[in-house]
Every structure is written in C-alpha cells, then in structure tokens.
Amino acid sequence: MINAIKFLLGSFFAFCIGVHIYGLIKPFSQETVLSHIVHSASYTLCLFALLKFSNYRLLLFVLGAIYPFFYHARCAYQTFLTHHTLNGICLLVVAIIPLGALWLQFEKNLPQALNKDH
C-alpha cells in the first residue's frame, strides 16, 4: 500500500512535468513560457521530495508546491467566476498537492518496519 501511494503521487508529478515540458515545445494554452518553466521546476522539486531526495523532504515539497498550487487555485476560481464551470485539471492539482504534503508527513511518522520497501 505504501509503495502504491508513492507510485501514484510520483506518477502524478511526473505527468505534470511532462505536460509542462510539452507546453514549452508545442504551446497548447495561453500560459507563458516562463510559467511552464516554473511549473516544470516546481513539480520536479515535489517529485524529488517524494523520492527521498533530501532530509528536508516536506520543506522541499512545500516550496515546490507553492507556485502550482496557487496558480491552479486561481485558475479554478477564475474559471468558476467567469464561466460558472469547474476546471477539473485545476481542481485535481489543488487537491493532490496537499495530499502529497500530508503523505510526506504521514510517511515521516511511520514506524521504520512499515516504511521499508519490501
């Protein structure tokens, strides 16, 4: 179960990185080149934090998550106000990022016997 959660979160962030790299190569929205670069770097930092890149995993994750979280929260809010619809991608990002942070905090407090990869 632990590895499945890590896999799902890691896959989400890897996919996000891929989407924004693709956006640099072939623009598909009004998003600027700088925004795609910052998104890619931010999601990469989140992914590294999930993969035990540092002892400061939660701090690195939160630092990496700030820009995408607020960007997508703003996007979801503006879409709702202007079009009275929900933007599924923005809502997904806004939901998954805090879950990733909660997972890192939870995993940090797991007993060592449960936290080892089997």
PDB file of N, CA and C in Angstrom:
ATOM      1  N   MET A   1       0.819  -1.197   0.000  1.00  0.00           N
ATOM      2  CA  MET A   1       0.000   0.000   0.000  1.00  0.00           C
ATOM      3  C   MET A   1       0.865   1.264   0.000  1.00  0.00           C
ATOM      4  N   ILE A   2       1.913   1.249   0.804  1.00  0.00           N
ATOM      5  CA  ILE A   2       2.808   2.404   0.884  1.00  0.00           C
ATOM      6  C   ILE A   2       3.443   2.677  -0.471  1.00  0.00           C
ATOM      7  N   ASN A   3       3.925   1.627  -1.110  1.00  0.00           N
ATOM      8  CA  ASN A   3       4.551   1.799  -2.422  1.00  0.00           C
ATOM      9  C   ASN A   3       3.537   2.234  -3.474  1.00  0.00           C
ATOM     10  N   ALA A   4       2.309   1.786  -3.361  1.00  0.00           N
ATOM     11  CA  ALA A   4       1.272   2.183  -4.316  1.00  0.00           C
ATOM     12  C   ALA A   4       0.988   3.681  -4.215  1.00  0.00           C
ATOM     13  N   ILE A   5       0.925   4.194  -3.008  1.00  0.00           N
ATOM     14  CA  ILE A   5       0.684   5.628  -2.825  1.00  0.00           C
ATOM     15  C   ILE A   5       1.852   6.425  -3.374  1.00  0.00           C
ATOM     16  N   LYS A   6       3.076   5.991  -3.076  1.00  0.00           N
ATOM     17  CA  LYS A   6       4.259   6.671  -3.626  1.00  0.00           C
ATOM     18  C   LYS A   6       4.244   6.637  -5.149  1.00  0.00           C
ATOM     19  N   PHE A   7       3.871   5.512  -5.712  1.00  0.00           N
ATOM     20  CA  PHE A   7       3.818   5.371  -7.167  1.00  0.00           C
ATOM     21  C   PHE A   7       2.787   6.320  -7.773  1.00  0.00           C
ATOM     22  N   LEU A   8       1.602   6.378  -7.180  1.00  0.00           N
ATOM     23  CA  LEU A   8       0.549   7.248  -7.707  1.00  0.00           C
ATOM     24  C   LEU A   8       0.929   8.721  -7.613  1.00  0.00           C
ATOM     25  N   LEU A   9       1.459   9.125  -6.465  1.00  0.00           N
ATOM     26  CA  LEU A   9       1.883  10.519  -6.319  1.00  0.00           C
ATOM     27  C   LEU A   9       3.041  10.835  -7.265  1.00  0.00           C
ATOM     28  N   GLY A  10       4.004   9.934  -7.341  1.00  0.00           N
ATOM     29  CA  GLY A  10       5.139  10.134  -8.240  1.00  0.00           C
ATOM     30  C   GLY A  10       4.706  10.207  -9.691  1.00  0.00           C
ATOM     31  N   SER A  11       3.766   9.352 -10.070  1.00  0.00           N
ATOM     32  CA  SER A  11       3.249   9.364 -11.446  1.00  0.00           C
ATOM     33  C   SER A  11       2.527  10.673 -11.746  1.00  0.00           C
ATOM     34  N   PHE A  12       1.776  11.164 -10.786  1.00  0.00           N
ATOM     35  CA  PHE A  12       1.076  12.435 -10.971  1.00  0.00           C
ATOM     36  C   PHE A  12       2.076  13.559 -11.249  1.00  0.00           C
ATOM     37  N   PHE A  13       3.113  13.665 -10.424  1.00  0.00           N
ATOM     38  CA  PHE A  13       4.082  14.748 -10.601  1.00  0.00           C
ATOM     39  C   PHE A  13       4.915  14.550 -11.869  1.00  0.00           C
ATOM     40  N   ALA A  14       5.246  13.321 -12.215  1.00  0.00           N
ATOM     41  CA  ALA A  14       5.968  13.071 -13.464  1.00  0.00           C
ATOM     42  C   ALA A  14       5.110  13.477 -14.664  1.00  0.00           C
ATOM     43  N   PHE A  15       3.832  13.164 -14.613  1.00  0.00           N
ATOM     44  CA  PHE A  15       2.920  13.552 -15.685  1.00  0.00           C
ATOM     45  C   PHE A  15       2.833  15.077 -15.788  1.00  0.00           C
ATOM     46  N   CYS A  16       2.746  15.762 -14.648  1.00  0.00           N
ATOM     47  CA  CYS A  16       2.693  17.229 -14.641  1.00  0.00           C
ATOM     48  C   CYS A  16       3.959  17.823 -15.261  1.00  0.00           C
ATOM     49  N   ILE A  17       5.100  17.254 -14.933  1.00  0.00           N
ATOM     50  CA  ILE A  17       6.361  17.712 -15.522  1.00  0.00           C
ATOM     51  C   ILE A  17       6.290  17.542 -17.043  1.00  0.00           C
ATOM     52  N   GLY A  18       5.861  16.376 -17.476  1.00  0.00           N
ATOM     53  CA  GLY A  18       5.755  16.103 -18.907  1.00  0.00           C
ATOM     54  C   GLY A  18       4.821  17.056 -19.622  1.00  0.00           C
ATOM     55  N   VAL A  19       3.680  17.362 -19.024  1.00  0.00           N
ATOM     56  CA  VAL A  19       2.718  18.280 -19.632  1.00  0.00           C
ATOM     57  C   VAL A  19       3.350  19.654 -19.840  1.00  0.00           C
ATOM     58  N   HIS A  20       4.082  20.125 -18.850  1.00  0.00           N
ATOM     59  CA  HIS A  20       4.653  21.469 -18.966  1.00  0.00           C
ATOM     60  C   HIS A  20       5.889  21.504 -19.873  1.00  0.00           C
ATOM     61  N   ILE A  21       6.603  20.426 -19.957  1.00  0.00           N
ATOM     62  CA  ILE A  21       7.700  20.370 -20.935  1.00  0.00           C
ATOM     63  C   ILE A  21       7.106  20.341 -22.347  1.00  0.00           C
ATOM     64  N   TYR A  22       6.050  19.572 -22.533  1.00  0.00           N
ATOM     65  CA  TYR A  22       5.353  19.554 -23.821  1.00  0.00           C
ATOM     66  C   TYR A  22       4.835  20.952 -24.166  1.00  0.00           C
ATOM     67  N   GLY A  23       4.325  21.660 -23.156  1.00  0.00           N
ATOM     68  CA  GLY A  23       3.840  23.018 -23.368  1.00  0.00           C
ATOM     69  C   GLY A  23       4.928  23.976 -23.818  1.00  0.00           C
ATOM     70  N   LEU A  24       6.167  23.694 -23.435  1.00  0.00           N
ATOM     71  CA  LEU A  24       7.292  24.503 -23.911  1.00  0.00           C
ATOM     72  C   LEU A  24       7.592  24.219 -25.377  1.00  0.00           C
ATOM     73  N   ILE A  25       7.474  22.953 -25.748  1.00  0.00           N
ATOM     74  CA  ILE A  25       7.792  22.531 -27.110  1.00  0.00           C
ATOM     75  C   ILE A  25       6.666  22.900 -28.077  1.00  0.00           C
ATOM     76  N   LYS A  26       5.453  22.623 -27.666  1.00  0.00           N
ATOM     77  CA  LYS A  26       4.292  22.884 -28.517  1.00  0.00           C
ATOM     78  C   LYS A  26       3.200  23.535 -27.662  1.00  0.00           C
ATOM     79  N   PRO A  27       3.152  24.859 -27.655  1.00  0.00           N
ATOM     80  CA  PRO A  27       2.165  25.555 -26.806  1.00  0.00           C
ATOM     81  C   PRO A  27       0.738  25.092 -27.088  1.00  0.00           C
ATOM     82  N   PHE A  28      -0.003  24.847 -26.024  1.00  0.00           N
ATOM     83  CA  PHE A  28      -1.384  24.391 -26.151  1.00  0.00           C
ATOM     84  C   PHE A  28      -2.358  25.273 -25.366  1.00  0.00           C
ATOM     85  N   SER A  29      -1.838  26.313 -24.727  1.00  0.00           N
ATOM     86  CA  SER A  29      -2.697  27.211 -23.958  1.00  0.00           C
ATOM     87  C   SER A  29      -2.101  28.615 -23.980  1.00  0.00           C
ATOM     88  N   GLN A  30      -2.732  29.514 -23.250  1.00  0.00           N
ATOM     89  CA  GLN A  30      -2.265  30.896 -23.159  1.00  0.00           C
ATOM     90  C   GLN A  30      -1.128  31.041 -22.143  1.00  0.00           C
ATOM     91  N   GLU A  31      -0.760  29.974 -21.489  1.00  0.00           N
ATOM     92  CA  GLU A  31       0.283  30.020 -20.454  1.00  0.00           C
ATOM     93  C   GLU A  31       1.631  30.427 -21.059  1.00  0.00           C
ATOM     94  N   THR A  32       2.359  31.264 -20.342  1.00  0.00           N
ATOM     95  CA  THR A  32       3.634  31.770 -20.847  1.00  0.00           C
ATOM     96  C   THR A  32       4.742  30.718 -20.735  1.00  0.00           C
ATOM     97  N   VAL A  33       5.801  30.944 -21.478  1.00  0.00           N
ATOM     98  CA  VAL A  33       6.968  30.062 -21.426  1.00  0.00           C
ATOM     99  C   VAL A  33       7.533  30.042 -20.007  1.00  0.00           C
ATOM    100  N   LEU A  34       7.637  31.213 -19.384  1.00  0.00           N
ATOM    101  CA  LEU A  34       8.166  31.284 -18.016  1.00  0.00           C
ATOM    102  C   LEU A  34       7.315  30.467 -17.049  1.00  0.00           C
ATOM    103  N   SER A  35       6.010  30.530 -17.198  1.00  0.00           N
ATOM    104  CA  SER A  35       5.126  29.757 -16.325  1.00  0.00           C
ATOM    105  C   SER A  35       5.348  28.258 -16.504  1.00  0.00           C
ATOM    106  N   HIS A  36       5.517  27.807 -17.744  1.00  0.00           N
ATOM    107  CA  HIS A  36       5.798  26.382 -17.984  1.00  0.00           C
ATOM    108  C   HIS A  36       7.126  25.985 -17.340  1.00  0.00           C
ATOM    109  N   ILE A  37       8.130  26.841 -17.423  1.00  0.00           N
ATOM    110  CA  ILE A  37       9.427  26.543 -16.824  1.00  0.00           C
ATOM    111  C   ILE A  37       9.306  26.456 -15.307  1.00  0.00           C
ATOM    112  N   VAL A  38       8.613  27.417 -14.708  1.00  0.00           N
ATOM    113  CA  VAL A  38       8.452  27.413 -13.249  1.00  0.00           C
ATOM    114  C   VAL A  38       7.628  26.203 -12.813  1.00  0.00           C
ATOM    115  N   HIS A  39       6.568  25.886 -13.551  1.00  0.00           N
ATOM    116  CA  HIS A  39       5.785  24.686 -13.235  1.00  0.00           C
ATOM    117  C   HIS A  39       6.667  23.438 -13.295  1.00  0.00           C
ATOM    118  N   SER A  40       7.440  23.299 -14.356  1.00  0.00           N
ATOM    119  CA  SER A  40       8.300  22.118 -14.509  1.00  0.00           C
ATOM    120  C   SER A  40       9.293  22.007 -13.353  1.00  0.00           C
ATOM    121  N   ALA A  41       9.934  23.105 -13.013  1.00  0.00           N
ATOM    122  CA  ALA A  41      10.900  23.099 -11.903  1.00  0.00           C
ATOM    123  C   ALA A  41      10.202  22.806 -10.577  1.00  0.00           C
ATOM    124  N   SER A  42       9.033  23.384 -10.373  1.00  0.00           N
ATOM    125  CA  SER A  42       8.295  23.169  -9.124  1.00  0.00           C
ATOM    126  C   SER A  42       7.862  21.719  -8.962  1.00  0.00           C
ATOM    127  N   TYR A  43       7.293  21.165 -10.014  1.00  0.00           N
ATOM    128  CA  TYR A  43       6.857  19.767  -9.952  1.00  0.00           C
ATOM    129  C   TYR A  43       8.048  18.821  -9.808  1.00  0.00           C
ATOM    130  N   THR A  44       9.182  19.172 -10.401  1.00  0.00           N
ATOM    131  CA  THR A  44      10.385  18.357 -10.252  1.00  0.00           C
ATOM    132  C   THR A  44      10.846  18.345  -8.805  1.00  0.00           C
ATOM    133  N   LEU A  45      10.810  19.501  -8.156  1.00  0.00           N
ATOM    134  CA  LEU A  45      11.179  19.576  -6.742  1.00  0.00           C
ATOM    135  C   LEU A  45      10.232  18.727  -5.893  1.00  0.00           C
ATOM    136  N   CYS A  46       8.951  18.783  -6.191  1.00  0.00           N
ATOM    137  CA  CYS A  46       7.977  17.944  -5.479  1.00  0.00           C
ATOM    138  C   CYS A  46       8.275  16.461  -5.686  1.00  0.00           C
ATOM    139  N   LEU A  47       8.584  16.083  -6.917  1.00  0.00           N
ATOM    140  CA  LEU A  47       8.882  14.679  -7.222  1.00  0.00           C
ATOM    141  C   LEU A  47      10.136  14.215  -6.485  1.00  0.00           C
ATOM    142  N   PHE A  48      11.178  15.029  -6.513  1.00  0.00           N
ATOM    143  CA  PHE A  48      12.398  14.669  -5.786  1.00  0.00           C
ATOM    144  C   PHE A  48      12.127  14.522  -4.294  1.00  0.00           C
ATOM    145  N   ALA A  49      11.308  15.394  -3.740  1.00  0.00           N
ATOM    146  CA  ALA A  49      10.968  15.294  -2.317  1.00  0.00           C
ATOM    147  C   ALA A  49      10.246  13.981  -2.028  1.00  0.00           C
ATOM    148  N   LEU A  50       9.376  13.564  -2.928  1.00  0.00           N
ATOM    149  CA  LEU A  50       8.668  12.293  -2.736  1.00  0.00           C
ATOM    150  C   LEU A  50       9.607  11.096  -2.828  1.00  0.00           C
ATOM    151  N   LEU A  51      10.679  11.249  -3.608  1.00  0.00           N
ATOM    152  CA  LEU A  51      11.611  10.137  -3.817  1.00  0.00           C
ATOM    153  C   LEU A  51      12.773  10.141  -2.814  1.00  0.00           C
ATOM    154  N   LYS A  52      12.605  10.831  -1.708  1.00  0.00           N
ATOM    155  CA  LYS A  52      13.615  10.889  -0.643  1.00  0.00           C
ATOM    156  C   LYS A  52      14.917  11.500  -1.123  1.00  0.00           C
ATOM    157  N   PHE A  53      14.813  12.609  -1.813  1.00  0.00           N
ATOM    158  CA  PHE A  53      15.973  13.324  -2.332  1.00  0.00           C
ATOM    159  C   PHE A  53      16.752  14.006  -1.219  1.00  0.00           C
ATOM    160  N   SER A  54      16.114  14.323  -0.091  1.00  0.00           N
ATOM    161  CA  SER A  54      16.748  15.105   0.959  1.00  0.00           C
ATOM    162  C   SER A  54      16.121  14.783   2.308  1.00  0.00           C
ATOM    163  N   ASN A  55      16.826  15.178   3.368  1.00  0.00           N
ATOM    164  CA  ASN A  55      16.267  15.043   4.712  1.00  0.00           C
ATOM    165  C   ASN A  55      15.168  16.078   4.957  1.00  0.00           C
ATOM    166  N   TYR A  56      15.128  17.095   4.147  1.00  0.00           N
ATOM    167  CA  TYR A  56      14.154  18.176   4.287  1.00  0.00           C
ATOM    168  C   TYR A  56      13.026  18.011   3.265  1.00  0.00           C
ATOM    169  N   ARG A  57      12.526  16.803   3.188  1.00  0.00           N
ATOM    170  CA  ARG A  57      11.553  16.456   2.151  1.00  0.00           C
ATOM    171  C   ARG A  57      10.302  17.309   2.185  1.00  0.00           C
ATOM    172  N   LEU A  58       9.705  17.459   3.356  1.00  0.00           N
ATOM    173  CA  LEU A  58       8.450  18.202   3.442  1.00  0.00           C
ATOM    174  C   LEU A  58       8.669  19.671   3.085  1.00  0.00           C
ATOM    175  N   LEU A  59       9.749  20.258   3.564  1.00  0.00           N
ATOM    176  CA  LEU A  59      10.061  21.649   3.236  1.00  0.00           C
ATOM    177  C   LEU A  59      10.265  21.816   1.723  1.00  0.00           C
ATOM    178  N   LEU A  60      11.044  20.918   1.117  1.00  0.00           N
ATOM    179  CA  LEU A  60      11.263  20.985  -0.335  1.00  0.00           C
ATOM    180  C   LEU A  60       9.953  20.823  -1.096  1.00  0.00           C
ATOM    181  N   PHE A  61       9.125  19.902  -0.641  1.00  0.00           N
ATOM    182  CA  PHE A  61       7.842  19.675  -1.299  1.00  0.00           C
ATOM    183  C   PHE A  61       6.979  20.931  -1.241  1.00  0.00           C
ATOM    184  N   VAL A  62       6.881  21.526  -0.060  1.00  0.00           N
ATOM    185  CA  VAL A  62       6.052  22.721   0.097  1.00  0.00           C
ATOM    186  C   VAL A  62       6.593  23.867  -0.761  1.00  0.00           C
ATOM    187  N   LEU A  63       7.905  24.045  -0.768  1.00  0.00           N
ATOM    188  CA  LEU A  63       8.498  25.091  -1.604  1.00  0.00           C
ATOM    189  C   LEU A  63       8.188  24.864  -3.085  1.00  0.00           C
ATOM    190  N   GLY A  64       8.281  23.608  -3.511  1.00  0.00           N
ATOM    191  CA  GLY A  64       7.970  23.281  -4.895  1.00  0.00           C
ATOM    192  C   GLY A  64       6.490  23.405  -5.222  1.00  0.00           C
ATOM    193  N   ALA A  65       5.652  23.213  -4.236  1.00  0.00           N
ATOM    194  CA  ALA A  65       4.203  23.183  -4.464  1.00  0.00           C
ATOM    195  C   ALA A  65       3.554  24.563  -4.448  1.00  0.00           C
ATOM    196  N   ILE A  66       4.232  25.557  -3.940  1.00  0.00           N
ATOM    197  CA  ILE A  66       3.613  26.883  -3.777  1.00  0.00           C
ATOM    198  C   ILE A  66       3.093  27.433  -5.104  1.00  0.00           C
ATOM    199  N   TYR A  67       3.956  27.515  -6.108  1.00  0.00           N
ATOM    200  CA  TYR A  67       3.538  28.120  -7.377  1.00  0.00           C
ATOM    201  C   TYR A  67       2.413  27.332  -8.053  1.00  0.00           C
ATOM    202  N   PRO A  68       2.577  26.012  -8.253  1.00  0.00           N
ATOM    203  CA  PRO A  68       1.485  25.300  -8.942  1.00  0.00           C
ATOM    204  C   PRO A  68       0.172  25.325  -8.163  1.00  0.00           C
ATOM    205  N   PHE A  69       0.255  25.247  -6.840  1.00  0.00           N
ATOM    206  CA  PHE A  69      -0.974  25.251  -6.046  1.00  0.00           C
ATOM    207  C   PHE A  69      -1.734  26.557  -6.244  1.00  0.00           C
ATOM    208  N   PHE A  70      -1.063  27.674  -6.059  1.00  0.00           N
ATOM    209  CA  PHE A  70      -1.753  28.954  -6.173  1.00  0.00           C
ATOM    210  C   PHE A  70      -2.124  29.298  -7.618  1.00  0.00           C
ATOM    211  N   TYR A  71      -1.291  28.891  -8.563  1.00  0.00           N
ATOM    212  CA  TYR A  71      -1.622  29.106  -9.977  1.00  0.00           C
ATOM    213  C   TYR A  71      -2.928  28.400 -10.330  1.00  0.00           C
ATOM    214  N   HIS A  72      -3.030  27.129  -9.941  1.00  0.00           N
ATOM    215  CA  HIS A  72      -4.211  26.345 -10.297  1.00  0.00           C
ATOM    216  C   HIS A  72      -5.423  26.711  -9.442  1.00  0.00           C
ATOM    217  N   ALA A  73      -5.207  27.125  -8.198  1.00  0.00           N
ATOM    218  CA  ALA A  73      -6.329  27.592  -7.376  1.00  0.00           C
ATOM    219  C   ALA A  73      -6.925  28.861  -7.994  1.00  0.00           C
ATOM    220  N   ARG A  74      -6.058  29.763  -8.439  1.00  0.00           N
ATOM    221  CA  ARG A  74      -6.508  30.999  -9.096  1.00  0.00           C
ATOM    222  C   ARG A  74      -7.234  30.666 -10.403  1.00  0.00           C
ATOM    223  N   CYS A  75      -6.678  29.747 -11.160  1.00  0.00           N
ATOM    224  CA  CYS A  75      -7.285  29.328 -12.419  1.00  0.00           C
ATOM    225  C   CYS A  75      -8.678  28.738 -12.177  1.00  0.00           C
ATOM    226  N   ALA A  76      -8.807  27.872 -11.181  1.00  0.00           N
ATOM    227  CA  ALA A  76     -10.106  27.257 -10.872  1.00  0.00           C
ATOM    228  C   ALA A  76     -11.112  28.316 -10.433  1.00  0.00           C
ATOM    229  N   TYR A  77     -10.671  29.242  -9.623  1.00  0.00           N
ATOM    230  CA  TYR A  77     -11.547  30.302  -9.132  1.00  0.00           C
ATOM    231  C   TYR A  77     -12.019  31.199 -10.276  1.00  0.00           C
ATOM    232  N   GLN A  78     -11.093  31.623 -11.121  1.00  0.00           N
ATOM    233  CA  GLN A  78     -11.449  32.500 -12.239  1.00  0.00           C
ATOM    234  C   GLN A  78     -12.360  31.792 -13.242  1.00  0.00           C
ATOM    235  N   THR A  79     -12.088  30.533 -13.491  1.00  0.00           N
ATOM    236  CA  THR A  79     -12.942  29.772 -14.408  1.00  0.00           C
ATOM    237  C   THR A  79     -14.355  29.669 -13.859  1.00  0.00           C
ATOM    238  N   PHE A  80     -14.446  29.429 -12.573  1.00  0.00           N
ATOM    239  CA  PHE A  80     -15.773  29.324 -11.960  1.00  0.00           C
ATOM    240  C   PHE A  80     -16.501  30.663 -12.024  1.00  0.00           C
ATOM    241  N   LEU A  81     -15.800  31.754 -11.744  1.00  0.00           N
ATOM    242  CA  LEU A  81     -16.440  33.074 -11.762  1.00  0.00           C
ATOM    243  C   LEU A  81     -16.865  33.493 -13.163  1.00  0.00           C
ATOM    244  N   THR A  82     -16.027  33.248 -14.143  1.00  0.00           N
ATOM    245  CA  THR A  82     -16.326  33.733 -15.494  1.00  0.00           C
ATOM    246  C   THR A  82     -17.222  32.796 -16.290  1.00  0.00           C
ATOM    247  N   HIS A  83     -17.053  31.491 -16.125  1.00  0.00           N
ATOM    248  CA  HIS A  83     -17.798  30.535 -16.948  1.00  0.00           C
ATOM    249  C   HIS A  83     -18.800  29.692 -16.153  1.00  0.00           C
ATOM    250  N   HIS A  84     -18.792  29.840 -14.831  1.00  0.00           N
ATOM    251  CA  HIS A  84     -19.684  29.074 -13.950  1.00  0.00           C
ATOM    252  C   HIS A  84     -19.520  27.562 -14.155  1.00  0.00           C
ATOM    253  N   THR A  85     -18.275  27.166 -14.412  1.00  0.00           N
ATOM    254  CA  THR A  85     -17.949  25.744 -14.542  1.00  0.00           C
ATOM    255  C   THR A  85     -16.724  25.449 -13.686  1.00  0.00           C
ATOM    256  N   LEU A  86     -16.506  24.185 -13.453  1.00  0.00           N
ATOM    257  CA  LEU A  86     -15.331  23.758 -12.691  1.00  0.00           C
ATOM    258  C   LEU A  86     -14.273  23.263 -13.655  1.00  0.00           C
ATOM    259  N   ASN A  87     -13.036  23.659 -13.419  1.00  0.00           N
ATOM    260  CA  ASN A  87     -11.910  23.195 -14.228  1.00  0.00           C
ATOM    261  C   ASN A  87     -11.321  21.976 -13.521  1.00  0.00           C
ATOM    262  N   GLY A  88     -11.546  20.812 -14.102  1.00  0.00           N
ATOM    263  CA  GLY A  88     -11.133  19.561 -13.473  1.00  0.00           C
ATOM    264  C   GLY A  88      -9.636  19.451 -13.243  1.00  0.00           C
ATOM    265  N   ILE A  89      -8.841  19.917 -14.187  1.00  0.00           N
ATOM    266  CA  ILE A  89      -7.385  19.828 -14.040  1.00  0.00           C
ATOM    267  C   ILE A  89      -6.928  20.684 -12.873  1.00  0.00           C
ATOM    268  N   CYS A  90      -7.422  21.910 -12.821  1.00  0.00           N
ATOM    269  CA  CYS A  90      -7.027  22.800 -11.722  1.00  0.00           C
ATOM    270  C   CYS A  90      -7.471  22.234 -10.373  1.00  0.00           C
ATOM    271  N   LEU A  91      -8.678  21.722 -10.308  1.00  0.00           N
ATOM    272  CA  LEU A  91      -9.158  21.138  -9.048  1.00  0.00           C
ATOM    273  C   LEU A  91      -8.345  19.915  -8.650  1.00  0.00           C
ATOM    274  N   LEU A  92      -7.958  19.104  -9.625  1.00  0.00           N
ATOM    275  CA  LEU A  92      -7.136  17.934  -9.333  1.00  0.00           C
ATOM    276  C   LEU A  92      -5.790  18.348  -8.735  1.00  0.00           C
ATOM    277  N   VAL A  93      -5.149  19.326  -9.339  1.00  0.00           N
ATOM    278  CA  VAL A  93      -3.854  19.794  -8.830  1.00  0.00           C
ATOM    279  C   VAL A  93      -4.017  20.359  -7.425  1.00  0.00           C
ATOM    280  N   VAL A  94      -5.051  21.159  -7.208  1.00  0.00           N
ATOM    281  CA  VAL A  94      -5.288  21.767  -5.898  1.00  0.00           C
ATOM    282  C   VAL A  94      -5.600  20.699  -4.845  1.00  0.00           C
ATOM    283  N   ALA A  95      -6.163  19.588  -5.237  1.00  0.00           N
ATOM    284  CA  ALA A  95      -6.459  18.504  -4.294  1.00  0.00           C
ATOM    285  C   ALA A  95      -5.237  17.625  -4.040  1.00  0.00           C
ATOM    286  N   ILE A  96      -4.493  17.292  -5.080  1.00  0.00           N
ATOM    287  CA  ILE A  96      -3.381  16.344  -4.949  1.00  0.00           C
ATOM    288  C   ILE A  96      -2.197  16.947  -4.186  1.00  0.00           C
ATOM    289  N   ILE A  97      -1.902  18.219  -4.414  1.00  0.00           N
ATOM    290  CA  ILE A  97      -0.731  18.823  -3.760  1.00  0.00           C
ATOM    291  C   ILE A  97      -0.818  18.742  -2.235  1.00  0.00           C
ATOM    292  N   PRO A  98      -1.930  19.152  -1.609  1.00  0.00           N
ATOM    293  CA  PRO A  98      -1.986  18.989  -0.143  1.00  0.00           C
ATOM    294  C   PRO A  98      -1.945  17.524   0.296  1.00  0.00           C
ATOM    295  N   LEU A  99      -2.524  16.641  -0.517  1.00  0.00           N
ATOM    296  CA  LEU A  99      -2.457  15.211  -0.172  1.00  0.00           C
ATOM    297  C   LEU A  99      -1.015  14.712  -0.201  1.00  0.00           C
ATOM    298  N   GLY A 100      -0.217  15.223  -1.149  1.00  0.00           N
ATOM    299  CA  GLY A 100       1.199  14.867  -1.190  1.00  0.00           C
ATOM    300  C   GLY A 100       1.928  15.321   0.056  1.00  0.00           C
ATOM    301  N   ALA A 101       1.646  16.536   0.505  1.00  0.00           N
ATOM    302  CA  ALA A 101       2.270  17.041   1.731  1.00  0.00           C
ATOM    303  C   ALA A 101       1.829  16.223   2.941  1.00  0.00           C
ATOM    304  N   LEU A 102       0.539  15.901   3.002  1.00  0.00           N
ATOM    305  CA  LEU A 102       0.047  15.062   4.104  1.00  0.00           C
ATOM    306  C   LEU A 102       0.708  13.688   4.074  1.00  0.00           C
ATOM    307  N   TRP A 103       0.887  13.132   2.886  1.00  0.00           N
ATOM    308  CA  TRP A 103       1.538  11.834   2.760  1.00  0.00           C
ATOM    309  C   TRP A 103       2.965  11.893   3.295  1.00  0.00           C
ATOM    310  N   LEU A 104       3.712  12.933   2.938  1.00  0.00           N
ATOM    311  CA  LEU A 104       5.090  13.056   3.414  1.00  0.00           C
ATOM    312  C   LEU A 104       5.125  13.149   4.936  1.00  0.00           C
ATOM    313  N   GLN A 105       4.197  13.890   5.516  1.00  0.00           N
ATOM    314  CA  GLN A 105       4.149  13.989   6.979  1.00  0.00           C
ATOM    315  C   GLN A 105       3.776  12.645   7.595  1.00  0.00           C
ATOM    316  N   PHE A 106       2.818  11.961   7.000  1.00  0.00           N
ATOM    317  CA  PHE A 106       2.400  10.648   7.481  1.00  0.00           C
ATOM    318  C   PHE A 106       3.540   9.644   7.372  1.00  0.00           C
ATOM    319  N   GLU A 107       4.200   9.633   6.225  1.00  0.00           N
ATOM    320  CA  GLU A 107       5.285   8.679   5.990  1.00  0.00           C
ATOM    321  C   GLU A 107       6.443   8.910   6.952  1.00  0.00           C
ATOM    322  N   LYS A 108       6.695  10.156   7.283  1.00  0.00           N
ATOM    323  CA  LYS A 108       7.761  10.503   8.225  1.00  0.00           C
ATOM    324  C   LYS A 108       7.496   9.891   9.602  1.00  0.00           C
ATOM    325  N   ASN A 109       6.230   9.776   9.969  1.00  0.00           N
ATOM    326  CA  ASN A 109       5.858   9.269  11.284  1.00  0.00           C
ATOM    327  C   ASN A 109       5.587   7.768  11.318  1.00  0.00           C
ATOM    328  N   LEU A 110       5.706   7.108  10.169  1.00  0.00           N
ATOM    329  CA  LEU A 110       5.505   5.659  10.153  1.00  0.00           C
ATOM    330  C   LEU A 110       6.628   4.956  10.910  1.00  0.00           C
ATOM    331  N   PRO A 111       6.321   3.875  11.587  1.00  0.00           N
ATOM    332  CA  PRO A 111       7.395   3.087  12.190  1.00  0.00           C
ATOM    333  C   PRO A 111       8.345   2.577  11.104  1.00  0.00           C
ATOM    334  N   GLN A 112       9.603   2.499  11.404  1.00  0.00           N
ATOM    335  CA  GLN A 112      10.610   2.081  10.431  1.00  0.00           C
ATOM    336  C   GLN A 112      10.282   0.740   9.797  1.00  0.00           C
ATOM    337  N   ALA A 113       9.734  -0.177  10.547  1.00  0.00           N
ATOM    338  CA  ALA A 113       9.429  -1.507  10.000  1.00  0.00           C
ATOM    339  C   ALA A 113       8.411  -1.416   8.868  1.00  0.00           C
ATOM    340  N   LEU A 114       7.463  -0.497   8.967  1.00  0.00           N
ATOM    341  CA  LEU A 114       6.459  -0.342   7.916  1.00  0.00           C
ATOM    342  C   LEU A 114       6.972   0.477   6.754  1.00  0.00           C
ATOM    343  N   ASN A 115       7.950   1.323   6.987  1.00  0.00           N
ATOM    344  CA  ASN A 115       8.409   2.264   5.988  1.00  0.00           C
ATOM    345  C   ASN A 115       9.434   1.664   5.025  1.00  0.00           C
ATOM    346  N   LYS A 116       9.938   0.471   5.307  1.00  0.00           N
ATOM    347  CA  LYS A 116      10.919  -0.156   4.431  1.00  0.00           C
ATOM    348  C   LYS A 116      10.246  -0.733   3.203  1.00  0.00           C
ATOM    349  N   ASP A 117      10.941  -0.651   2.090  1.00  0.00           N
ATOM    350  CA  ASP A 117      10.431  -1.241   0.842  1.00  0.00           C
ATOM    351  C   ASP A 117      10.611  -2.754   0.917  1.00  0.00           C
ATOM    352  N   HIS A 118       9.557  -3.464   0.631  1.00  0.00           N
ATOM    353  CA  HIS A 118       9.630  -4.937   0.630  1.00  0.00           C
ATOM    354  C   HIS A 118       9.517  -5.453  -0.753  1.00  0.00           C
TER     355      HIS A 118
END
